[in-house]
Amino acid sequence: MPDENLKFVQEEAKRLTDENRDLRVALSALQESVRALSELYLLAQEVDSDTNIMRLLTGILDSALEVLKASDGSLLLIDEETGELVFTVVRGEKSEELVGYRLAKGQGIAGWVTDNRQPQIVLDVRRDSRFFANVDEAFHFKTRSMVCVPVYLDESRVMGVIEVLNKVSDREFTQDDLNLMLVVAQLAAVAIHRAERALTPPKDHRAKTARSRKKR
C-alpha cells in the first residue's frame, strides 16, 4: 500500500507540474497578444498627415502575425476603380515578389471574404473550392491553412482583407485566433480611415483652392 500511495503522489505531482507549465505558456502567449494589440491600438490613434502609410500598414500586419504566431501573411486592399484586391503589404517567404499582385473581384478565399464580409478559418486550403491555387503555383509557395478577415468600419465599405497563413509548428488556427484577428482588423480599419482623413483636405479647403485656381 505505501508503494501505491507513493506512486499516486508522484503521478499527481507530475500532473500538476505539467498543468503549471501549460498555464505559464498560455499566460505568456496572452501577455504577448495584449502587448501586440496595445501597440496596434496606439498606431491607430496616432495617425496624422505626417504618418508613413506603408510603415503603418506593415506594423498592422506584423502585429497580426505576432498575435497568431505565424510567419506569412498579407494585407490586401481593394482597388476601388477595378474591384481587384491588391497585395499591399506582404510578410514572409515571398514578401518582395507578391507586393502589387492582383486578385480579380471575388477570386480566392480572400475575394470571398471581401464579398461576403465574413471571416474564415480554413484548416486545409486544398480541400476548399474557393482556394485560388494560381498564386501558390506562380510564386512557388505552399499555403496549408489560413485565417482571413475583412477590414471595414461599417457595412457600406470594405477596405480589404488581412490573411495570415501557416501557423508555426504546423499547429491549427483556432476560434481564439479568429477572434484576435477580428480585433486586429477593426484597429486596422480605424487606422486606415484616420490616415485617409488626415491626407484628404476638408471640402471647404478644396473649394477655396479651386476658386483660387480659377482666379489665376
N, C-alpha and C. Protein backbone atom coordinates (compact mmCIF):
# COMPACT_ATOMS: atom_id res chain seq x y z
N MET A 1 0.81 -1.22 0.00
CA MET A 1 0.00 0.00 0.00
C MET A 1 0.85 1.28 0.00
N PRO A 2 1.92 1.36 0.84
CA PRO A 2 2.76 2.57 0.81
C PRO A 2 3.33 2.86 -0.57
N ASP A 3 3.71 1.78 -1.30
CA ASP A 3 4.25 1.96 -2.65
C ASP A 3 3.20 2.55 -3.58
N GLU A 4 1.96 2.09 -3.45
CA GLU A 4 0.88 2.62 -4.28
C GLU A 4 0.62 4.09 -3.96
N ASN A 5 0.65 4.44 -2.69
CA ASN A 5 0.46 5.84 -2.29
C ASN A 5 1.56 6.73 -2.85
N LEU A 6 2.80 6.22 -2.78
CA LEU A 6 3.93 6.98 -3.28
C LEU A 6 3.80 7.18 -4.79
N LYS A 7 3.39 6.13 -5.50
CA LYS A 7 3.22 6.24 -6.95
C LYS A 7 2.14 7.26 -7.29
N PHE A 8 1.04 7.24 -6.52
CA PHE A 8 -0.05 8.20 -6.75
C PHE A 8 0.43 9.63 -6.55
N VAL A 9 1.17 9.85 -5.47
CA VAL A 9 1.69 11.19 -5.17
C VAL A 9 2.62 11.66 -6.27
N GLN A 10 3.48 10.77 -6.76
CA GLN A 10 4.42 11.12 -7.82
C GLN A 10 3.69 11.48 -9.12
N GLU A 11 2.68 10.68 -9.45
CA GLU A 11 1.91 10.94 -10.67
C GLU A 11 1.14 12.26 -10.55
N GLU A 12 0.60 12.52 -9.37
CA GLU A 12 -0.16 13.76 -9.16
C GLU A 12 0.78 14.97 -9.23
N ALA A 13 1.97 14.82 -8.66
CA ALA A 13 2.94 15.91 -8.72
C ALA A 13 3.34 16.21 -10.16
N LYS A 14 3.52 15.16 -10.96
CA LYS A 14 3.88 15.34 -12.37
C LYS A 14 2.75 16.02 -13.13
N ARG A 15 1.50 15.60 -12.82
CA ARG A 15 0.34 16.21 -13.50
C ARG A 15 0.25 17.70 -13.18
N LEU A 16 0.45 18.05 -11.91
CA LEU A 16 0.38 19.45 -11.52
C LEU A 16 1.52 20.26 -12.13
N THR A 17 2.69 19.65 -12.23
CA THR A 17 3.82 20.33 -12.86
C THR A 17 3.53 20.62 -14.32
N ASP A 18 2.96 19.62 -15.01
CA ASP A 18 2.62 19.80 -16.43
C ASP A 18 1.54 20.87 -16.60
N GLU A 19 0.55 20.86 -15.72
CA GLU A 19 -0.51 21.86 -15.79
C GLU A 19 0.05 23.27 -15.57
N ASN A 20 0.93 23.40 -14.60
CA ASN A 20 1.53 24.72 -14.34
C ASN A 20 2.35 25.20 -15.52
N ARG A 21 3.08 24.28 -16.16
CA ARG A 21 3.86 24.66 -17.34
C ARG A 21 2.95 25.14 -18.45
N ASP A 22 1.86 24.40 -18.70
CA ASP A 22 0.91 24.80 -19.75
C ASP A 22 0.28 26.15 -19.44
N LEU A 23 -0.03 26.38 -18.16
CA LEU A 23 -0.63 27.66 -17.77
C LEU A 23 0.36 28.80 -17.97
N ARG A 24 1.64 28.57 -17.67
CA ARG A 24 2.65 29.61 -17.87
C ARG A 24 2.80 29.94 -19.34
N VAL A 25 2.77 28.90 -20.19
CA VAL A 25 2.87 29.11 -21.63
C VAL A 25 1.67 29.91 -22.13
N ALA A 26 0.48 29.52 -21.68
CA ALA A 26 -0.74 30.22 -22.11
C ALA A 26 -0.74 31.66 -21.64
N LEU A 27 -0.28 31.90 -20.40
CA LEU A 27 -0.23 33.26 -19.86
C LEU A 27 0.76 34.11 -20.65
N SER A 28 1.90 33.53 -20.97
CA SER A 28 2.91 34.25 -21.75
C SER A 28 2.37 34.63 -23.12
N ALA A 29 1.67 33.69 -23.78
CA ALA A 29 1.10 33.96 -25.10
C ALA A 29 0.05 35.06 -25.01
N LEU A 30 -0.76 35.02 -23.94
CA LEU A 30 -1.79 36.05 -23.76
C LEU A 30 -1.16 37.42 -23.55
N GLN A 31 -0.11 37.47 -22.75
CA GLN A 31 0.57 38.74 -22.50
C GLN A 31 1.18 39.30 -23.78
N GLU A 32 1.75 38.44 -24.60
CA GLU A 32 2.32 38.88 -25.88
C GLU A 32 1.23 39.41 -26.81
N SER A 33 0.07 38.73 -26.82
CA SER A 33 -1.04 39.18 -27.66
C SER A 33 -1.55 40.54 -27.22
N VAL A 34 -1.69 40.72 -25.90
CA VAL A 34 -2.17 42.00 -25.37
C VAL A 34 -1.18 43.11 -25.72
N ARG A 35 0.12 42.83 -25.59
CA ARG A 35 1.13 43.84 -25.91
C ARG A 35 1.07 44.22 -27.39
N ALA A 36 0.95 43.22 -28.27
CA ALA A 36 0.89 43.50 -29.71
C ALA A 36 -0.35 44.31 -30.07
N LEU A 37 -1.49 43.95 -29.46
CA LEU A 37 -2.72 44.68 -29.74
C LEU A 37 -2.66 46.10 -29.18
N SER A 38 -2.02 46.26 -28.03
CA SER A 38 -1.87 47.60 -27.44
C SER A 38 -1.03 48.49 -28.36
N GLU A 39 0.05 47.92 -28.91
CA GLU A 39 0.89 48.68 -29.83
C GLU A 39 0.10 49.08 -31.07
N LEU A 40 -0.70 48.15 -31.57
CA LEU A 40 -1.51 48.44 -32.75
C LEU A 40 -2.56 49.51 -32.44
N TYR A 41 -3.14 49.47 -31.25
CA TYR A 41 -4.11 50.50 -30.86
C TYR A 41 -3.45 51.88 -30.87
N LEU A 42 -2.25 51.96 -30.34
CA LEU A 42 -1.54 53.24 -30.32
C LEU A 42 -1.23 53.71 -31.74
N LEU A 43 -0.86 52.77 -32.61
CA LEU A 43 -0.62 53.13 -34.01
C LEU A 43 -1.86 53.75 -34.63
N ALA A 44 -3.01 53.13 -34.34
CA ALA A 44 -4.27 53.60 -34.94
C ALA A 44 -4.65 54.99 -34.45
N GLN A 45 -4.29 55.29 -33.19
CA GLN A 45 -4.70 56.57 -32.61
C GLN A 45 -3.77 57.72 -32.97
N GLU A 46 -2.55 57.42 -33.40
CA GLU A 46 -1.56 58.47 -33.62
C GLU A 46 -1.40 58.85 -35.09
N VAL A 47 -2.34 58.43 -35.92
CA VAL A 47 -2.24 58.72 -37.35
C VAL A 47 -2.50 60.20 -37.61
N ASP A 48 -1.64 60.82 -38.43
CA ASP A 48 -1.87 62.19 -38.87
C ASP A 48 -1.31 62.34 -40.28
N SER A 49 -1.28 63.56 -40.77
CA SER A 49 -0.87 63.79 -42.16
C SER A 49 0.60 63.44 -42.40
N ASP A 50 1.38 63.34 -41.33
CA ASP A 50 2.80 63.00 -41.47
C ASP A 50 3.06 61.50 -41.36
N THR A 51 2.02 60.74 -41.13
CA THR A 51 2.19 59.30 -40.94
C THR A 51 2.65 58.63 -42.24
N ASN A 52 3.63 57.76 -42.11
CA ASN A 52 4.08 56.94 -43.24
C ASN A 52 3.08 55.78 -43.37
N ILE A 53 2.24 55.84 -44.39
CA ILE A 53 1.14 54.88 -44.50
C ILE A 53 1.65 53.45 -44.66
N MET A 54 2.69 53.26 -45.48
CA MET A 54 3.19 51.91 -45.69
C MET A 54 3.79 51.34 -44.40
N ARG A 55 4.46 52.20 -43.64
CA ARG A 55 5.00 51.73 -42.36
C ARG A 55 3.86 51.38 -41.41
N LEU A 56 2.81 52.17 -41.46
CA LEU A 56 1.64 51.89 -40.63
C LEU A 56 1.03 50.54 -40.99
N LEU A 57 0.81 50.31 -42.28
CA LEU A 57 0.20 49.05 -42.72
C LEU A 57 1.09 47.86 -42.40
N THR A 58 2.39 48.05 -42.53
CA THR A 58 3.33 46.98 -42.19
C THR A 58 3.25 46.65 -40.71
N GLY A 59 3.15 47.69 -39.88
CA GLY A 59 3.01 47.47 -38.45
C GLY A 59 1.74 46.71 -38.09
N ILE A 60 0.67 47.00 -38.82
CA ILE A 60 -0.59 46.30 -38.61
C ILE A 60 -0.44 44.81 -38.92
N LEU A 61 0.17 44.50 -40.05
CA LEU A 61 0.34 43.10 -40.43
C LEU A 61 1.30 42.39 -39.48
N ASP A 62 2.37 43.05 -39.11
CA ASP A 62 3.32 42.45 -38.17
C ASP A 62 2.64 42.11 -36.85
N SER A 63 1.74 42.97 -36.41
CA SER A 63 1.01 42.72 -35.17
C SER A 63 0.13 41.48 -35.31
N ALA A 64 -0.52 41.35 -36.46
CA ALA A 64 -1.37 40.18 -36.69
C ALA A 64 -0.55 38.90 -36.66
N LEU A 65 0.62 38.92 -37.29
CA LEU A 65 1.47 37.73 -37.32
C LEU A 65 2.00 37.39 -35.93
N GLU A 66 2.34 38.41 -35.17
CA GLU A 66 2.84 38.18 -33.82
C GLU A 66 1.76 37.59 -32.93
N VAL A 67 0.56 38.12 -33.05
CA VAL A 67 -0.55 37.64 -32.22
C VAL A 67 -0.87 36.18 -32.53
N LEU A 68 -0.83 35.79 -33.81
CA LEU A 68 -1.23 34.45 -34.19
C LEU A 68 -0.06 33.47 -34.30
N LYS A 69 1.17 33.94 -34.08
CA LYS A 69 2.35 33.08 -34.15
C LYS A 69 2.45 32.42 -35.53
N ALA A 70 2.45 33.25 -36.54
CA ALA A 70 2.59 32.78 -37.92
C ALA A 70 3.66 33.61 -38.61
N SER A 71 4.24 33.06 -39.67
CA SER A 71 5.36 33.74 -40.32
C SER A 71 4.98 34.41 -41.63
N ASP A 72 3.85 34.03 -42.22
CA ASP A 72 3.46 34.56 -43.53
C ASP A 72 2.07 35.18 -43.46
N GLY A 73 1.92 36.31 -44.14
CA GLY A 73 0.62 36.95 -44.17
C GLY A 73 0.61 38.13 -45.12
N SER A 74 -0.59 38.61 -45.41
CA SER A 74 -0.74 39.71 -46.36
C SER A 74 -1.88 40.62 -45.94
N LEU A 75 -1.72 41.89 -46.28
CA LEU A 75 -2.81 42.86 -46.20
C LEU A 75 -3.15 43.23 -47.62
N LEU A 76 -4.35 42.92 -48.05
CA LEU A 76 -4.79 43.21 -49.41
C LEU A 76 -5.84 44.31 -49.34
N LEU A 77 -5.67 45.36 -50.13
CA LEU A 77 -6.62 46.46 -50.18
C LEU A 77 -7.33 46.48 -51.52
N ILE A 78 -8.56 46.95 -51.51
CA ILE A 78 -9.36 46.98 -52.72
C ILE A 78 -9.00 48.17 -53.59
N ASP A 79 -8.78 47.92 -54.86
CA ASP A 79 -8.68 48.99 -55.85
C ASP A 79 -10.12 49.38 -56.18
N GLU A 80 -10.53 50.55 -55.73
CA GLU A 80 -11.95 50.92 -55.85
C GLU A 80 -12.38 51.16 -57.29
N GLU A 81 -11.43 51.34 -58.19
CA GLU A 81 -11.79 51.51 -59.61
C GLU A 81 -12.07 50.18 -60.29
N THR A 82 -11.31 49.15 -59.93
CA THR A 82 -11.45 47.86 -60.61
C THR A 82 -12.13 46.79 -59.76
N GLY A 83 -12.16 47.01 -58.45
CA GLY A 83 -12.71 45.99 -57.55
C GLY A 83 -11.71 44.89 -57.22
N GLU A 84 -10.50 44.98 -57.76
CA GLU A 84 -9.49 43.96 -57.51
C GLU A 84 -8.91 44.11 -56.11
N LEU A 85 -8.43 42.99 -55.58
CA LEU A 85 -7.69 43.01 -54.33
C LEU A 85 -6.20 43.07 -54.65
N VAL A 86 -5.51 44.02 -54.05
CA VAL A 86 -4.09 44.23 -54.34
C VAL A 86 -3.27 43.85 -53.11
N PHE A 87 -2.28 42.99 -53.30
CA PHE A 87 -1.35 42.66 -52.22
C PHE A 87 -0.53 43.91 -51.90
N THR A 88 -0.91 44.60 -50.83
CA THR A 88 -0.29 45.88 -50.50
C THR A 88 0.90 45.72 -49.57
N VAL A 89 0.73 44.90 -48.54
CA VAL A 89 1.83 44.59 -47.63
C VAL A 89 1.90 43.08 -47.50
N VAL A 90 3.09 42.53 -47.65
CA VAL A 90 3.27 41.08 -47.57
C VAL A 90 4.46 40.80 -46.66
N ARG A 91 4.29 39.83 -45.77
CA ARG A 91 5.38 39.40 -44.90
C ARG A 91 5.60 37.91 -45.07
N GLY A 92 6.87 37.51 -45.03
CA GLY A 92 7.16 36.10 -45.12
C GLY A 92 8.04 35.75 -46.30
N GLU A 93 7.97 34.51 -46.70
CA GLU A 93 8.88 33.95 -47.68
C GLU A 93 8.85 34.66 -49.03
N LYS A 94 7.68 35.05 -49.51
CA LYS A 94 7.54 35.64 -50.85
C LYS A 94 7.15 37.12 -50.79
N SER A 95 7.56 37.80 -49.74
CA SER A 95 7.08 39.16 -49.49
C SER A 95 7.40 40.12 -50.64
N GLU A 96 8.63 40.10 -51.14
CA GLU A 96 9.01 41.07 -52.16
C GLU A 96 8.33 40.78 -53.50
N GLU A 97 8.14 39.52 -53.81
CA GLU A 97 7.57 39.15 -55.12
C GLU A 97 6.07 39.40 -55.20
N LEU A 98 5.38 39.25 -54.08
CA LEU A 98 3.91 39.31 -54.10
C LEU A 98 3.34 40.72 -54.10
N VAL A 99 4.09 41.67 -53.59
CA VAL A 99 3.57 43.05 -53.49
C VAL A 99 3.14 43.55 -54.88
N GLY A 100 1.90 44.03 -54.96
CA GLY A 100 1.38 44.54 -56.22
C GLY A 100 0.58 43.52 -57.01
N TYR A 101 0.68 42.25 -56.65
CA TYR A 101 -0.09 41.21 -57.35
C TYR A 101 -1.58 41.43 -57.09
N ARG A 102 -2.40 41.17 -58.11
CA ARG A 102 -3.83 41.47 -58.01
C ARG A 102 -4.68 40.21 -58.16
N LEU A 103 -5.74 40.17 -57.36
CA LEU A 103 -6.76 39.14 -57.48
C LEU A 103 -8.02 39.78 -58.05
N ALA A 104 -8.61 39.13 -59.03
CA ALA A 104 -9.86 39.64 -59.59
C ALA A 104 -10.95 39.66 -58.52
N LYS A 105 -11.93 40.49 -58.70
CA LYS A 105 -13.03 40.60 -57.73
C LYS A 105 -13.64 39.23 -57.48
N GLY A 106 -13.75 38.88 -56.21
CA GLY A 106 -14.36 37.61 -55.82
C GLY A 106 -13.44 36.41 -55.93
N GLN A 107 -12.20 36.61 -56.32
CA GLN A 107 -11.30 35.48 -56.57
C GLN A 107 -10.65 34.99 -55.28
N GLY A 108 -10.61 33.68 -55.12
CA GLY A 108 -9.96 33.09 -53.97
C GLY A 108 -10.74 33.26 -52.67
N ILE A 109 -10.16 32.73 -51.61
CA ILE A 109 -10.79 32.86 -50.29
C ILE A 109 -10.83 34.32 -49.87
N ALA A 110 -9.78 35.07 -50.20
CA ALA A 110 -9.75 36.49 -49.87
C ALA A 110 -10.87 37.25 -50.57
N GLY A 111 -11.10 36.92 -51.84
CA GLY A 111 -12.19 37.55 -52.59
C GLY A 111 -13.55 37.21 -52.00
N TRP A 112 -13.70 35.96 -51.59
CA TRP A 112 -14.97 35.53 -50.99
C TRP A 112 -15.22 36.28 -49.68
N VAL A 113 -14.18 36.39 -48.85
CA VAL A 113 -14.31 37.09 -47.57
C VAL A 113 -14.67 38.55 -47.80
N THR A 114 -14.05 39.16 -48.81
CA THR A 114 -14.36 40.56 -49.14
C THR A 114 -15.81 40.72 -49.55
N ASP A 115 -16.27 39.87 -50.46
CA ASP A 115 -17.64 39.99 -50.97
C ASP A 115 -18.69 39.68 -49.92
N ASN A 116 -18.38 38.72 -49.03
CA ASN A 116 -19.39 38.27 -48.07
C ASN A 116 -19.23 38.89 -46.68
N ARG A 117 -18.12 39.61 -46.49
CA ARG A 117 -17.85 40.26 -45.20
C ARG A 117 -17.91 39.27 -44.04
N GLN A 118 -17.41 38.06 -44.29
CA GLN A 118 -17.42 37.02 -43.26
C GLN A 118 -16.02 36.47 -43.06
N PRO A 119 -15.49 36.52 -41.85
CA PRO A 119 -14.16 35.96 -41.59
C PRO A 119 -14.17 34.45 -41.74
N GLN A 120 -13.01 33.90 -42.07
CA GLN A 120 -12.94 32.47 -42.31
C GLN A 120 -11.66 31.86 -41.71
N ILE A 121 -11.82 30.67 -41.12
CA ILE A 121 -10.68 29.81 -40.79
C ILE A 121 -10.72 28.65 -41.78
N VAL A 122 -9.62 28.43 -42.47
CA VAL A 122 -9.54 27.30 -43.41
C VAL A 122 -8.34 26.46 -42.99
N LEU A 123 -8.60 25.27 -42.47
CA LEU A 123 -7.54 24.43 -41.92
C LEU A 123 -6.79 23.66 -43.01
N ASP A 124 -7.43 23.44 -44.15
CA ASP A 124 -6.77 22.77 -45.27
C ASP A 124 -7.27 23.42 -46.56
N VAL A 125 -6.50 24.35 -47.09
CA VAL A 125 -6.98 25.13 -48.24
C VAL A 125 -7.20 24.26 -49.47
N ARG A 126 -6.47 23.13 -49.56
CA ARG A 126 -6.60 22.27 -50.76
C ARG A 126 -7.96 21.60 -50.82
N ARG A 127 -8.65 21.56 -49.72
CA ARG A 127 -9.98 20.95 -49.68
C ARG A 127 -11.10 21.99 -49.82
N ASP A 128 -10.70 23.25 -50.01
CA ASP A 128 -11.68 24.34 -50.10
C ASP A 128 -11.79 24.79 -51.56
N SER A 129 -12.98 24.69 -52.11
CA SER A 129 -13.18 25.01 -53.53
C SER A 129 -12.93 26.48 -53.85
N ARG A 130 -12.94 27.34 -52.84
CA ARG A 130 -12.71 28.76 -53.06
C ARG A 130 -11.24 29.10 -53.23
N PHE A 131 -10.37 28.19 -52.84
CA PHE A 131 -8.93 28.48 -52.85
C PHE A 131 -8.44 28.69 -54.28
N PHE A 132 -7.67 29.76 -54.48
CA PHE A 132 -7.12 30.11 -55.79
C PHE A 132 -5.65 29.69 -55.80
N ALA A 133 -5.38 28.51 -56.37
CA ALA A 133 -4.05 27.91 -56.29
C ALA A 133 -3.03 28.59 -57.19
N ASN A 134 -3.49 29.43 -58.13
CA ASN A 134 -2.56 30.06 -59.07
C ASN A 134 -1.48 30.89 -58.39
N VAL A 135 -1.82 31.50 -57.26
CA VAL A 135 -0.84 32.33 -56.56
C VAL A 135 0.29 31.44 -56.03
N ASP A 136 -0.06 30.34 -55.39
CA ASP A 136 0.96 29.41 -54.90
C ASP A 136 1.82 28.89 -56.05
N GLU A 137 1.17 28.54 -57.15
CA GLU A 137 1.91 27.98 -58.28
C GLU A 137 2.83 29.01 -58.92
N ALA A 138 2.35 30.24 -59.03
CA ALA A 138 3.14 31.29 -59.68
C ALA A 138 4.36 31.68 -58.85
N PHE A 139 4.24 31.61 -57.52
CA PHE A 139 5.32 32.08 -56.66
C PHE A 139 6.01 30.94 -55.90
N HIS A 140 5.69 29.69 -56.28
CA HIS A 140 6.35 28.52 -55.68
C HIS A 140 6.25 28.53 -54.16
N PHE A 141 5.03 28.65 -53.70
CA PHE A 141 4.74 28.70 -52.27
C PHE A 141 3.71 27.62 -51.95
N LYS A 142 3.64 27.22 -50.70
CA LYS A 142 2.62 26.23 -50.32
C LYS A 142 1.80 26.76 -49.14
N THR A 143 0.58 27.17 -49.44
CA THR A 143 -0.36 27.56 -48.39
C THR A 143 -1.02 26.30 -47.86
N ARG A 144 -0.95 26.12 -46.56
CA ARG A 144 -1.59 24.95 -45.94
C ARG A 144 -2.90 25.35 -45.28
N SER A 145 -2.84 26.41 -44.48
CA SER A 145 -4.03 26.84 -43.75
C SER A 145 -4.02 28.36 -43.67
N MET A 146 -5.15 28.93 -43.32
CA MET A 146 -5.21 30.39 -43.21
C MET A 146 -6.36 30.86 -42.34
N VAL A 147 -6.17 32.07 -41.84
CA VAL A 147 -7.26 32.87 -41.26
C VAL A 147 -7.37 34.11 -42.12
N CYS A 148 -8.58 34.44 -42.55
CA CYS A 148 -8.78 35.60 -43.41
C CYS A 148 -9.96 36.40 -42.87
N VAL A 149 -9.74 37.69 -42.64
CA VAL A 149 -10.81 38.53 -42.08
C VAL A 149 -10.95 39.81 -42.89
N PRO A 150 -12.18 40.32 -43.03
CA PRO A 150 -12.39 41.58 -43.77
C PRO A 150 -11.97 42.78 -42.92
N VAL A 151 -11.53 43.82 -43.60
CA VAL A 151 -11.17 45.08 -42.94
C VAL A 151 -12.22 46.11 -43.33
N TYR A 152 -13.06 46.52 -42.38
CA TYR A 152 -14.09 47.52 -42.68
C TYR A 152 -14.59 48.16 -41.40
N LEU A 153 -15.06 49.41 -41.55
CA LEU A 153 -15.62 50.13 -40.41
C LEU A 153 -17.12 49.93 -40.30
N ASP A 154 -17.79 49.88 -41.45
CA ASP A 154 -19.23 49.64 -41.47
C ASP A 154 -19.56 48.86 -42.73
N GLU A 155 -20.82 48.47 -42.84
CA GLU A 155 -21.23 47.61 -43.95
C GLU A 155 -21.16 48.30 -45.31
N SER A 156 -21.04 49.62 -45.32
CA SER A 156 -21.09 50.34 -46.60
C SER A 156 -19.81 50.23 -47.40
N ARG A 157 -18.69 49.92 -46.72
CA ARG A 157 -17.43 49.91 -47.44
C ARG A 157 -16.43 48.94 -46.82
N VAL A 158 -16.00 47.96 -47.60
CA VAL A 158 -14.93 47.06 -47.19
C VAL A 158 -13.63 47.58 -47.79
N MET A 159 -12.61 47.75 -46.95
CA MET A 159 -11.34 48.27 -47.42
C MET A 159 -10.44 47.19 -48.00
N GLY A 160 -10.58 45.98 -47.50
CA GLY A 160 -9.75 44.87 -47.96
C GLY A 160 -9.82 43.72 -46.98
N VAL A 161 -8.76 42.93 -46.93
CA VAL A 161 -8.71 41.78 -46.01
C VAL A 161 -7.30 41.64 -45.45
N ILE A 162 -7.22 40.99 -44.30
CA ILE A 162 -5.95 40.54 -43.75
C ILE A 162 -5.99 39.03 -43.74
N GLU A 163 -4.96 38.39 -44.29
CA GLU A 163 -4.88 36.94 -44.23
C GLU A 163 -3.55 36.53 -43.61
N VAL A 164 -3.62 35.56 -42.71
CA VAL A 164 -2.44 35.01 -42.05
C VAL A 164 -2.38 33.53 -42.40
N LEU A 165 -1.18 33.07 -42.80
CA LEU A 165 -1.03 31.72 -43.34
C LEU A 165 -0.10 30.87 -42.48
N ASN A 166 -0.39 29.57 -42.47
CA ASN A 166 0.55 28.55 -41.98
C ASN A 166 1.10 28.86 -40.59
N LYS A 167 0.30 28.56 -39.59
CA LYS A 167 0.73 28.76 -38.21
C LYS A 167 2.01 27.96 -37.94
N VAL A 168 2.90 28.52 -37.15
CA VAL A 168 4.19 27.86 -36.90
C VAL A 168 3.98 26.52 -36.19
N SER A 169 4.94 25.62 -36.39
CA SER A 169 4.92 24.28 -35.79
C SER A 169 3.73 23.46 -36.27
N ASP A 170 3.17 23.86 -37.44
CA ASP A 170 2.04 23.13 -38.03
C ASP A 170 0.84 23.02 -37.10
N ARG A 171 0.72 23.96 -36.18
CA ARG A 171 -0.47 23.96 -35.33
C ARG A 171 -1.66 24.49 -36.12
N GLU A 172 -2.86 24.17 -35.64
CA GLU A 172 -4.07 24.62 -36.34
C GLU A 172 -4.53 25.97 -35.80
N PHE A 173 -5.07 26.78 -36.71
CA PHE A 173 -5.71 28.02 -36.28
C PHE A 173 -6.99 27.68 -35.52
N THR A 174 -7.30 28.51 -34.54
CA THR A 174 -8.45 28.25 -33.67
C THR A 174 -9.42 29.43 -33.71
N GLN A 175 -10.56 29.24 -33.06
CA GLN A 175 -11.53 30.32 -32.95
C GLN A 175 -10.95 31.50 -32.19
N ASP A 176 -10.09 31.22 -31.19
CA ASP A 176 -9.43 32.30 -30.47
C ASP A 176 -8.56 33.13 -31.42
N ASP A 177 -7.87 32.46 -32.34
CA ASP A 177 -7.06 33.17 -33.34
C ASP A 177 -7.94 34.08 -34.19
N LEU A 178 -9.09 33.54 -34.60
CA LEU A 178 -10.00 34.33 -35.42
C LEU A 178 -10.50 35.55 -34.66
N ASN A 179 -10.84 35.36 -33.39
CA ASN A 179 -11.32 36.48 -32.58
C ASN A 179 -10.25 37.57 -32.45
N LEU A 180 -9.00 37.17 -32.26
CA LEU A 180 -7.91 38.14 -32.19
C LEU A 180 -7.74 38.87 -33.51
N MET A 181 -7.87 38.14 -34.61
CA MET A 181 -7.74 38.76 -35.92
C MET A 181 -8.83 39.78 -36.18
N LEU A 182 -10.03 39.53 -35.65
CA LEU A 182 -11.11 40.49 -35.81
C LEU A 182 -10.79 41.80 -35.11
N VAL A 183 -10.13 41.70 -33.96
CA VAL A 183 -9.70 42.92 -33.25
C VAL A 183 -8.64 43.65 -34.07
N VAL A 184 -7.67 42.89 -34.60
CA VAL A 184 -6.63 43.49 -35.44
C VAL A 184 -7.24 44.19 -36.64
N ALA A 185 -8.19 43.52 -37.30
CA ALA A 185 -8.81 44.08 -38.49
C ALA A 185 -9.58 45.36 -38.18
N GLN A 186 -10.25 45.39 -37.03
CA GLN A 186 -11.00 46.59 -36.65
C GLN A 186 -10.05 47.76 -36.40
N LEU A 187 -8.97 47.49 -35.70
CA LEU A 187 -7.98 48.54 -35.45
C LEU A 187 -7.33 48.99 -36.76
N ALA A 188 -7.11 48.04 -37.66
CA ALA A 188 -6.55 48.39 -38.97
C ALA A 188 -7.50 49.31 -39.73
N ALA A 189 -8.78 49.00 -39.69
CA ALA A 189 -9.76 49.83 -40.39
C ALA A 189 -9.78 51.25 -39.82
N VAL A 190 -9.70 51.36 -38.51
CA VAL A 190 -9.67 52.69 -37.88
C VAL A 190 -8.43 53.45 -38.33
N ALA A 191 -7.28 52.77 -38.33
CA ALA A 191 -6.02 53.43 -38.72
C ALA A 191 -6.07 53.90 -40.17
N ILE A 192 -6.54 53.04 -41.07
CA ILE A 192 -6.60 53.40 -42.49
C ILE A 192 -7.57 54.56 -42.69
N HIS A 193 -8.71 54.51 -42.01
CA HIS A 193 -9.70 55.58 -42.14
C HIS A 193 -9.13 56.91 -41.65
N ARG A 194 -8.44 56.87 -40.52
CA ARG A 194 -7.85 58.10 -39.98
C ARG A 194 -6.77 58.63 -40.93
N ALA A 195 -6.00 57.71 -41.54
CA ALA A 195 -4.97 58.12 -42.49
C ALA A 195 -5.59 58.79 -43.71
N GLU A 196 -6.68 58.23 -44.21
CA GLU A 196 -7.36 58.82 -45.36
C GLU A 196 -7.88 60.21 -45.03
N ARG A 197 -8.47 60.36 -43.86
CA ARG A 197 -9.00 61.67 -43.46
C ARG A 197 -7.87 62.68 -43.28
N ALA A 198 -6.75 62.22 -42.72
CA ALA A 198 -5.62 63.13 -42.49
C ALA A 198 -5.02 63.61 -43.79
N LEU A 199 -5.09 62.77 -44.83
CA LEU A 199 -4.47 63.12 -46.10
C LEU A 199 -5.43 63.81 -47.07
N THR A 200 -6.71 63.87 -46.70
CA THR A 200 -7.72 64.49 -47.56
C THR A 200 -8.11 65.84 -46.99
N PRO A 201 -7.88 66.94 -47.69
CA PRO A 201 -8.24 68.26 -47.16
C PRO A 201 -9.76 68.40 -47.04
N PRO A 202 -10.23 69.20 -46.09
CA PRO A 202 -11.67 69.43 -45.93
C PRO A 202 -12.29 69.97 -47.22
N LYS A 203 -13.59 69.76 -47.38
CA LYS A 203 -14.29 70.20 -48.60
C LYS A 203 -14.19 71.70 -48.80
N ASP A 204 -14.32 72.48 -47.73
CA ASP A 204 -14.27 73.93 -47.90
C ASP A 204 -12.89 74.38 -48.35
N HIS A 205 -11.84 73.64 -47.89
CA HIS A 205 -10.49 73.97 -48.31
C HIS A 205 -10.31 73.66 -49.80
N ARG A 206 -10.88 72.52 -50.23
CA ARG A 206 -10.78 72.17 -51.66
C ARG A 206 -11.52 73.19 -52.51
N ALA A 207 -12.66 73.66 -52.00
CA ALA A 207 -13.43 74.64 -52.76
C ALA A 207 -12.66 75.95 -52.89
N LYS A 208 -12.03 76.39 -51.79
CA LYS A 208 -11.24 77.62 -51.83
C LYS A 208 -10.07 77.49 -52.79
N THR A 209 -9.45 76.30 -52.78
CA THR A 209 -8.32 76.06 -53.69
C THR A 209 -8.76 76.13 -55.14
N ALA A 210 -9.93 75.55 -55.41
CA ALA A 210 -10.46 75.56 -56.77
C ALA A 210 -10.77 76.98 -57.23
N ARG A 211 -11.37 77.81 -56.33
CA ARG A 211 -11.69 79.18 -56.69
C ARG A 211 -10.43 79.99 -56.92
N SER A 212 -9.42 79.71 -56.10
CA SER A 212 -8.15 80.43 -56.25
C SER A 212 -7.52 80.13 -57.61
N ARG A 213 -7.61 78.87 -58.03
CA ARG A 213 -7.04 78.49 -59.32
C ARG A 213 -7.79 79.18 -60.46
N LYS A 214 -9.11 79.30 -60.32
CA LYS A 214 -9.90 79.93 -61.37
C LYS A 214 -9.51 81.40 -61.53
N LYS A 215 -9.26 82.08 -60.41
CA LYS A 215 -8.87 83.50 -60.47
C LYS A 215 -7.56 83.68 -61.21
N ARG A 216 -6.66 82.71 -61.09
CA ARG A 216 -5.39 82.82 -61.79
C ARG A 216 -5.58 82.64 -63.29
